[in-house]
Amino acid sequence: MSNKLEQLRKLVTVVADTGEISEIKKYKPKDATTNPSLILKAVKNRNYEALLYQAIKYGKIQGNNKSEKIQCTCDILTVKIGEEILKTIPGRISTEVDARLSYDTYRSIEKARKLIKIYNNLGISNNRILIKLAATWEGIRAAEQLEKEGINCNLTLVFSFAQARACAEANVFLISPFVGRIMDWYERKEGHDCKTKIDPGVLSVSNIYSYYKEYSYKTIIMGASFRNTKQILELAGCDALTIPPQLLKQLESEKGKVTRKLVKSIHENNSKKRPVSMTHSEFLWEHNNDPMAVEKLTEGIRNFSIDQKQLEMIIEDRL
């Protein structure tokens, strides 16, 4: 019998949740995803010194002041790392918009267009890129516009059903519900024991999957932020799963049968009438009724912004 990772690949699209090219080459995922935390980690690795040098060289000749030069350097560095990853995978790389723009639709769109332009100037087409945005109302609206322009998006930090529903209604290409962080919240706040109760992170993704398939939404569901292989295997059958290297290694070493847990609805492709799209106020009401989602979304944005600032400090020092 093949190992669990090989079996899982037959049921889901496996995505590498890392910016480490050596790990991506090792596990051969179809796609890969990065975020500010992973970019910061990569920059501290000597293997990326050449890319950092190239980005700084580019940044020095761009912008009219220090702040603009730093931003240009960050953008080109993020794209250059994405370019290197794309050399090792057949699919797409997810590249994230600055988390500090999460509540600004216009500036998120402008930043996404700028990142895409850099990719395009390197000869990389849109069909190999996903622009990552936080799934705030403003981020979802930005993604809705970008999708109309042929720029596919990955809406990240999805914790509430309201976020998932609004993303589908905006025709977003892909969403990333954060399984492990949901579990973290319940363990800390309510003493939830995943060994004796249903994992709330797994349940959240399962509910989103059932809803999307029932109403034939095309938005891809990519489970993310896993804490253990049990969570991963409980979502076998999901559209995609983004998995960190340590859990990929564990799955590769494990034997035993992997069975499909998520099954498509009998209603799929039967043109079941969809609900009327949510309004802004409905979204806020539904999302804010989920204290876990409110806390984890803002925390995620805040932490990504902290890592972005650290990256900028490193680049400022080099400049």
Protein backbone atom coordinates (compact mmCIF):
# COMPACT_ATOMS: atom_id res chain seq x y z
CA MET A 1 0.00 0.00 0.00
CA SER A 2 1.27 3.49 -0.89
CA ASN A 3 1.93 6.03 1.86
CA LYS A 4 -0.77 8.44 3.00
CA LEU A 5 0.62 11.41 1.10
CA GLU A 6 0.49 9.53 -2.20
CA GLN A 7 -3.07 8.43 -1.50
CA LEU A 8 -4.09 11.94 -0.49
CA ARG A 9 -2.81 13.35 -3.78
CA LYS A 10 -5.44 11.25 -5.58
CA LEU A 11 -8.22 12.89 -3.58
CA VAL A 12 -7.12 16.53 -3.27
CA THR A 13 -4.77 19.07 -4.82
CA VAL A 14 -1.77 19.19 -2.49
CA VAL A 15 -0.30 22.67 -2.03
CA ALA A 16 2.96 23.43 -0.19
CA ASP A 17 2.58 25.92 2.64
CA THR A 18 6.17 27.14 2.57
CA GLY A 19 8.54 29.54 0.88
CA GLU A 20 11.45 27.11 1.15
CA ILE A 21 12.31 26.00 -2.38
CA SER A 22 14.24 22.96 -1.17
CA GLU A 23 11.11 21.67 0.59
CA ILE A 24 8.95 22.36 -2.45
CA LYS A 25 11.34 20.43 -4.69
CA LYS A 26 11.29 17.55 -2.23
CA TYR A 27 7.51 17.12 -1.97
CA LYS A 28 6.54 18.16 -5.52
CA PRO A 29 3.20 19.88 -4.83
CA LYS A 30 1.07 21.20 -7.69
CA ASP A 31 0.83 24.70 -6.21
CA ALA A 32 2.51 26.70 -3.47
CA THR A 33 1.47 29.58 -1.24
CA THR A 34 3.41 32.25 0.62
CA ASN A 35 2.57 34.97 3.14
CA PRO A 36 4.54 37.75 4.87
CA SER A 37 5.65 35.37 7.62
CA LEU A 38 7.06 32.87 5.11
CA ILE A 39 8.72 35.63 3.06
CA LEU A 40 10.37 37.00 6.21
CA LYS A 41 11.61 33.52 7.11
CA ALA A 42 12.98 33.03 3.59
CA VAL A 43 14.85 36.36 3.66
CA LYS A 44 16.69 35.25 6.80
CA ASN A 45 17.93 32.20 4.89
CA ARG A 46 21.29 32.68 3.16
CA ASN A 47 20.00 30.75 0.14
CA TYR A 48 17.88 33.78 -0.74
CA GLU A 49 20.70 36.32 -0.48
CA ALA A 50 20.97 36.71 -4.26
CA LEU A 51 17.25 37.41 -4.61
CA LEU A 52 17.41 39.98 -1.82
CA TYR A 53 20.35 41.67 -3.53
CA GLN A 54 18.46 41.80 -6.86
CA ALA A 55 15.39 43.26 -5.16
CA ILE A 56 17.42 45.93 -3.35
CA LYS A 57 19.20 46.85 -6.58
CA TYR A 58 15.80 47.30 -8.23
CA GLY A 59 14.36 49.21 -5.29
CA LYS A 60 17.20 51.75 -5.24
CA ILE A 61 16.30 53.02 -8.70
CA GLN A 62 12.56 53.13 -8.03
CA GLY A 63 10.50 55.62 -6.05
CA ASN A 64 11.12 59.20 -5.10
CA ASN A 65 11.86 58.69 -1.42
CA LYS A 66 13.01 56.08 1.08
CA SER A 67 9.50 54.82 1.81
CA GLU A 68 8.74 54.23 -1.87
CA LYS A 69 12.10 52.51 -2.37
CA ILE A 70 11.36 50.14 0.53
CA GLN A 71 7.93 49.31 -0.84
CA CYS A 72 9.30 48.68 -4.34
CA THR A 73 12.00 46.43 -2.90
CA CYS A 74 9.43 44.43 -0.91
CA ASP A 75 7.25 43.98 -3.97
CA ILE A 76 10.04 42.79 -6.25
CA LEU A 77 11.46 40.51 -3.55
CA THR A 78 8.06 38.86 -3.01
CA VAL A 79 7.63 38.37 -6.75
CA LYS A 80 11.20 37.11 -7.25
CA ILE A 81 10.67 34.47 -4.56
CA GLY A 82 7.41 33.59 -6.28
CA GLU A 83 9.26 33.32 -9.60
CA GLU A 84 11.80 30.90 -8.12
CA ILE A 85 9.03 28.75 -6.65
CA LEU A 86 7.20 28.66 -9.98
CA LYS A 87 10.29 27.08 -11.55
CA THR A 88 9.72 24.04 -9.32
CA ILE A 89 5.94 23.57 -9.56
CA PRO A 90 3.51 23.05 -12.48
CA GLY A 91 0.72 25.19 -11.02
CA ARG A 92 0.24 28.52 -9.28
CA ILE A 93 1.94 30.59 -6.62
CA SER A 94 -0.13 32.65 -4.17
CA THR A 95 1.37 36.07 -3.49
CA GLU A 96 -0.07 38.21 -0.71
CA VAL A 97 -1.04 41.86 -0.71
CA ASP A 98 0.25 43.90 2.26
CA ALA A 99 -2.00 43.06 5.24
CA ARG A 100 -2.13 46.73 6.20
CA LEU A 101 -4.35 47.30 3.15
CA SER A 102 -6.93 44.75 4.33
CA TYR A 103 -9.59 47.41 4.96
CA ASP A 104 -8.87 49.48 1.85
CA THR A 105 -10.46 48.14 -1.32
CA TYR A 106 -8.95 50.68 -3.72
CA ARG A 107 -5.36 50.38 -2.47
CA SER A 108 -5.62 46.57 -2.37
CA ILE A 109 -6.61 46.57 -6.04
CA GLU A 110 -3.75 48.91 -6.92
CA LYS A 111 -1.21 46.77 -5.04
CA ALA A 112 -2.50 43.60 -6.70
CA ARG A 113 -2.21 45.17 -10.15
CA LYS A 114 1.35 46.25 -9.36
CA LEU A 115 2.38 42.74 -8.27
CA ILE A 116 0.79 41.23 -11.37
CA LYS A 117 2.61 43.74 -13.58
CA ILE A 118 5.96 42.75 -12.05
CA TYR A 119 5.17 39.08 -12.67
CA ASN A 120 4.10 39.85 -16.25
CA ASN A 121 7.30 41.82 -16.88
CA LEU A 122 9.21 38.68 -15.87
CA GLY A 123 7.29 36.72 -18.50
CA ILE A 124 4.92 35.04 -16.03
CA SER A 125 1.26 34.99 -17.07
CA ASN A 126 -1.75 35.60 -14.84
CA ASN A 127 -2.84 31.95 -14.97
CA ARG A 128 0.11 31.00 -12.78
CA ILE A 129 -0.59 33.51 -10.01
CA LEU A 130 -3.12 33.92 -7.22
CA ILE A 131 -3.28 37.24 -5.43
CA LYS A 132 -3.86 36.71 -1.70
CA LEU A 133 -6.12 39.09 0.18
CA ALA A 134 -7.55 38.96 3.68
CA ALA A 135 -11.24 38.02 3.59
CA THR A 136 -12.53 41.31 5.02
CA TRP A 137 -15.52 42.88 3.29
CA GLU A 138 -13.10 45.32 1.63
CA GLY A 139 -10.76 42.51 0.58
CA ILE A 140 -13.65 40.54 -0.91
CA ARG A 141 -14.79 43.57 -2.89
CA ALA A 142 -11.24 44.07 -4.17
CA ALA A 143 -11.10 40.42 -5.24
CA GLU A 144 -14.46 40.74 -7.00
CA GLN A 145 -13.04 43.55 -9.18
CA LEU A 146 -9.72 41.80 -9.78
CA GLU A 147 -11.49 38.61 -10.90
CA LYS A 148 -13.34 40.68 -13.53
CA GLU A 149 -9.93 41.84 -14.78
CA GLY A 150 -8.64 38.28 -15.14
CA ILE A 151 -6.61 38.35 -11.91
CA ASN A 152 -7.51 35.29 -9.85
CA CYS A 153 -7.50 35.63 -6.07
CA ASN A 154 -6.95 33.56 -2.95
CA LEU A 155 -8.97 34.95 -0.04
CA THR A 156 -7.12 34.06 3.12
CA LEU A 157 -7.85 34.20 6.88
CA VAL A 158 -11.32 32.71 6.39
CA PHE A 159 -12.83 31.85 9.78
CA SER A 160 -16.57 32.50 9.50
CA PHE A 161 -19.25 31.06 7.27
CA ALA A 162 -20.19 34.65 6.37
CA GLN A 163 -16.72 35.21 4.90
CA ALA A 164 -16.93 32.00 2.88
CA ARG A 165 -20.39 32.78 1.57
CA ALA A 166 -19.48 36.35 0.58
CA CYS A 167 -16.38 35.09 -1.26
CA ALA A 168 -18.44 32.62 -3.30
CA GLU A 169 -20.98 35.31 -4.15
CA ALA A 170 -18.12 37.52 -5.36
CA ASN A 171 -16.92 34.71 -7.69
CA VAL A 172 -13.56 34.52 -5.94
CA PHE A 173 -11.28 31.85 -7.42
CA LEU A 174 -10.17 30.27 -4.11
CA ILE A 175 -10.58 30.61 -0.35
CA SER A 176 -8.31 29.45 2.48
CA PRO A 177 -10.21 28.50 5.66
CA PHE A 178 -7.79 28.24 8.59
CA VAL A 179 -8.48 24.91 10.29
CA GLY A 180 -5.76 24.91 12.95
CA ARG A 181 -6.30 28.48 14.13
CA ILE A 182 -10.01 27.78 14.65
CA MET A 183 -9.05 24.77 16.76
CA ASP A 184 -6.53 26.90 18.69
CA TRP A 185 -9.24 29.37 19.66
CA TYR A 186 -11.65 26.75 20.94
CA GLU A 187 -8.95 24.97 22.91
CA ARG A 188 -7.91 28.20 24.58
CA LYS A 189 -11.35 29.73 25.15
CA GLU A 190 -13.49 26.70 25.86
CA GLY A 191 -11.07 23.93 26.77
CA HIS A 192 -12.14 22.02 23.66
CA ASP A 193 -10.51 18.59 23.36
CA CYS A 194 -10.18 17.51 19.72
CA LYS A 195 -9.55 13.94 20.88
CA THR A 196 -13.04 13.59 22.32
CA LYS A 197 -15.07 16.14 20.31
CA ILE A 198 -15.53 17.06 16.66
CA ASP A 199 -12.69 19.34 15.54
CA PRO A 200 -14.34 22.79 14.99
CA GLY A 201 -11.82 23.71 12.29
CA VAL A 202 -12.57 20.54 10.33
CA LEU A 203 -16.30 21.08 10.85
CA SER A 204 -16.06 24.64 9.52
CA VAL A 205 -14.43 23.53 6.26
CA SER A 206 -16.85 20.62 5.92
CA ASN A 207 -19.84 22.98 6.22
CA ILE A 208 -18.38 25.38 3.65
CA TYR A 209 -17.68 22.48 1.28
CA SER A 210 -21.25 21.17 1.58
CA TYR A 211 -22.73 24.64 0.98
CA TYR A 212 -20.56 25.37 -2.05
CA LYS A 213 -21.34 22.05 -3.68
CA GLU A 214 -25.07 22.28 -2.88
CA TYR A 215 -25.34 25.58 -4.76
CA SER A 216 -22.69 24.77 -7.40
CA TYR A 217 -20.32 27.60 -6.51
CA LYS A 218 -17.06 27.26 -8.42
CA THR A 219 -14.87 28.85 -5.75
CA ILE A 220 -12.14 26.39 -4.72
CA ILE A 221 -11.88 25.51 -1.03
CA MET A 222 -8.29 25.07 0.16
CA GLY A 223 -8.04 24.03 3.80
CA ALA A 224 -5.06 25.68 5.52
CA SER A 225 -3.27 26.12 8.86
CA PHE A 226 -3.11 22.50 9.98
CA ARG A 227 -1.83 21.39 13.37
CA ASN A 228 -1.70 17.63 12.74
CA THR A 229 -2.25 14.99 10.07
CA LYS A 230 -5.58 13.95 11.59
CA GLN A 231 -7.09 17.30 10.58
CA ILE A 232 -5.72 16.86 7.07
CA LEU A 233 -7.05 13.33 6.63
CA GLU A 234 -10.48 14.34 7.95
CA LEU A 235 -10.70 16.72 4.98
CA ALA A 236 -9.69 14.17 2.32
CA GLY A 237 -11.85 15.00 -0.68
CA CYS A 238 -11.67 18.78 -0.22
CA ASP A 239 -10.75 20.69 -3.38
CA ALA A 240 -7.24 21.47 -2.10
CA LEU A 241 -5.18 21.44 1.10
CA THR A 242 -2.11 23.58 1.78
CA ILE A 243 0.23 21.63 4.05
CA PRO A 244 3.48 22.63 5.80
CA PRO A 245 6.64 20.55 5.17
CA GLN A 246 6.70 18.87 8.59
CA LEU A 247 3.21 17.44 8.04
CA LEU A 248 3.97 16.47 4.45
CA LYS A 249 6.94 14.51 5.80
CA GLN A 250 4.75 12.82 8.40
CA LEU A 251 2.11 11.85 5.84
CA GLU A 252 4.81 10.47 3.58
CA SER A 253 6.07 8.24 6.40
CA GLU A 254 2.66 6.93 7.42
CA LYS A 255 1.01 3.78 6.09
CA GLY A 256 -2.68 2.95 6.17
CA LYS A 257 -5.70 3.57 4.00
CA VAL A 258 -6.82 7.13 3.29
CA THR A 259 -10.56 7.42 2.64
CA ARG A 260 -12.56 10.27 1.16
CA LYS A 261 -14.35 12.18 3.91
CA LEU A 262 -15.90 15.04 1.94
CA VAL A 263 -18.39 14.04 -0.74
CA LYS A 264 -20.00 16.30 -3.33
CA SER A 265 -23.67 17.13 -2.89
CA ILE A 266 -26.33 15.34 -4.92
CA HIS A 267 -27.56 18.82 -5.81
CA GLU A 268 -24.32 19.80 -7.56
CA ASN A 269 -24.88 20.77 -11.20
CA ASN A 270 -28.66 20.52 -10.70
CA SER A 271 -29.10 24.31 -10.83
CA LYS A 272 -30.45 24.70 -7.31
CA LYS A 273 -31.39 28.35 -6.88
CA ARG A 274 -28.79 30.27 -4.89
CA PRO A 275 -29.65 32.61 -2.01
CA VAL A 276 -29.69 36.35 -2.68
CA SER A 277 -26.21 37.81 -2.22
CA MET A 278 -25.36 39.20 1.19
CA THR A 279 -25.39 42.94 1.77
CA HIS A 280 -22.59 44.68 3.64
CA SER A 281 -24.68 44.98 6.79
CA GLU A 282 -25.73 41.31 6.61
CA PHE A 283 -22.10 40.27 6.25
CA LEU A 284 -21.04 42.32 9.26
CA TRP A 285 -23.91 41.02 11.37
CA GLU A 286 -23.26 37.36 10.53
CA HIS A 287 -19.49 37.63 10.87
CA ASN A 288 -19.64 39.58 14.13
CA ASN A 289 -21.93 36.95 15.63
CA ASP A 290 -18.95 34.60 15.53
CA PRO A 291 -16.51 35.83 18.22
CA MET A 292 -13.87 33.29 17.16
CA ALA A 293 -13.89 34.61 13.59
CA VAL A 294 -13.75 38.25 14.67
CA GLU A 295 -10.79 37.65 16.95
CA LYS A 296 -8.81 35.36 14.62
CA LEU A 297 -9.30 37.53 11.52
CA THR A 298 -8.04 40.69 13.20
CA GLU A 299 -5.23 38.77 14.90
CA GLY A 300 -4.14 37.26 11.59
CA ILE A 301 -4.07 40.64 9.86
CA ARG A 302 -2.18 42.17 12.78
CA ASN A 303 0.45 39.42 12.86
CA PHE A 304 1.01 39.51 9.10
CA SER A 305 1.46 43.29 9.31
CA ILE A 306 4.06 42.84 12.08
CA ASP A 307 6.05 40.45 9.88
CA GLN A 308 5.73 42.86 6.95
CA LYS A 309 7.19 45.64 9.09
CA GLN A 310 10.09 43.39 10.14
CA LEU A 311 10.78 42.63 6.49
CA GLU A 312 10.79 46.34 5.70
CA MET A 313 13.24 47.00 8.54
CA ILE A 314 15.65 44.43 7.10
CA ILE A 315 15.35 46.01 3.66
CA GLU A 316 15.73 49.56 5.04
CA ASP A 317 18.94 48.52 6.74
CA ARG A 318 20.26 47.02 3.50
CA LEU A 319 19.23 50.04 1.44
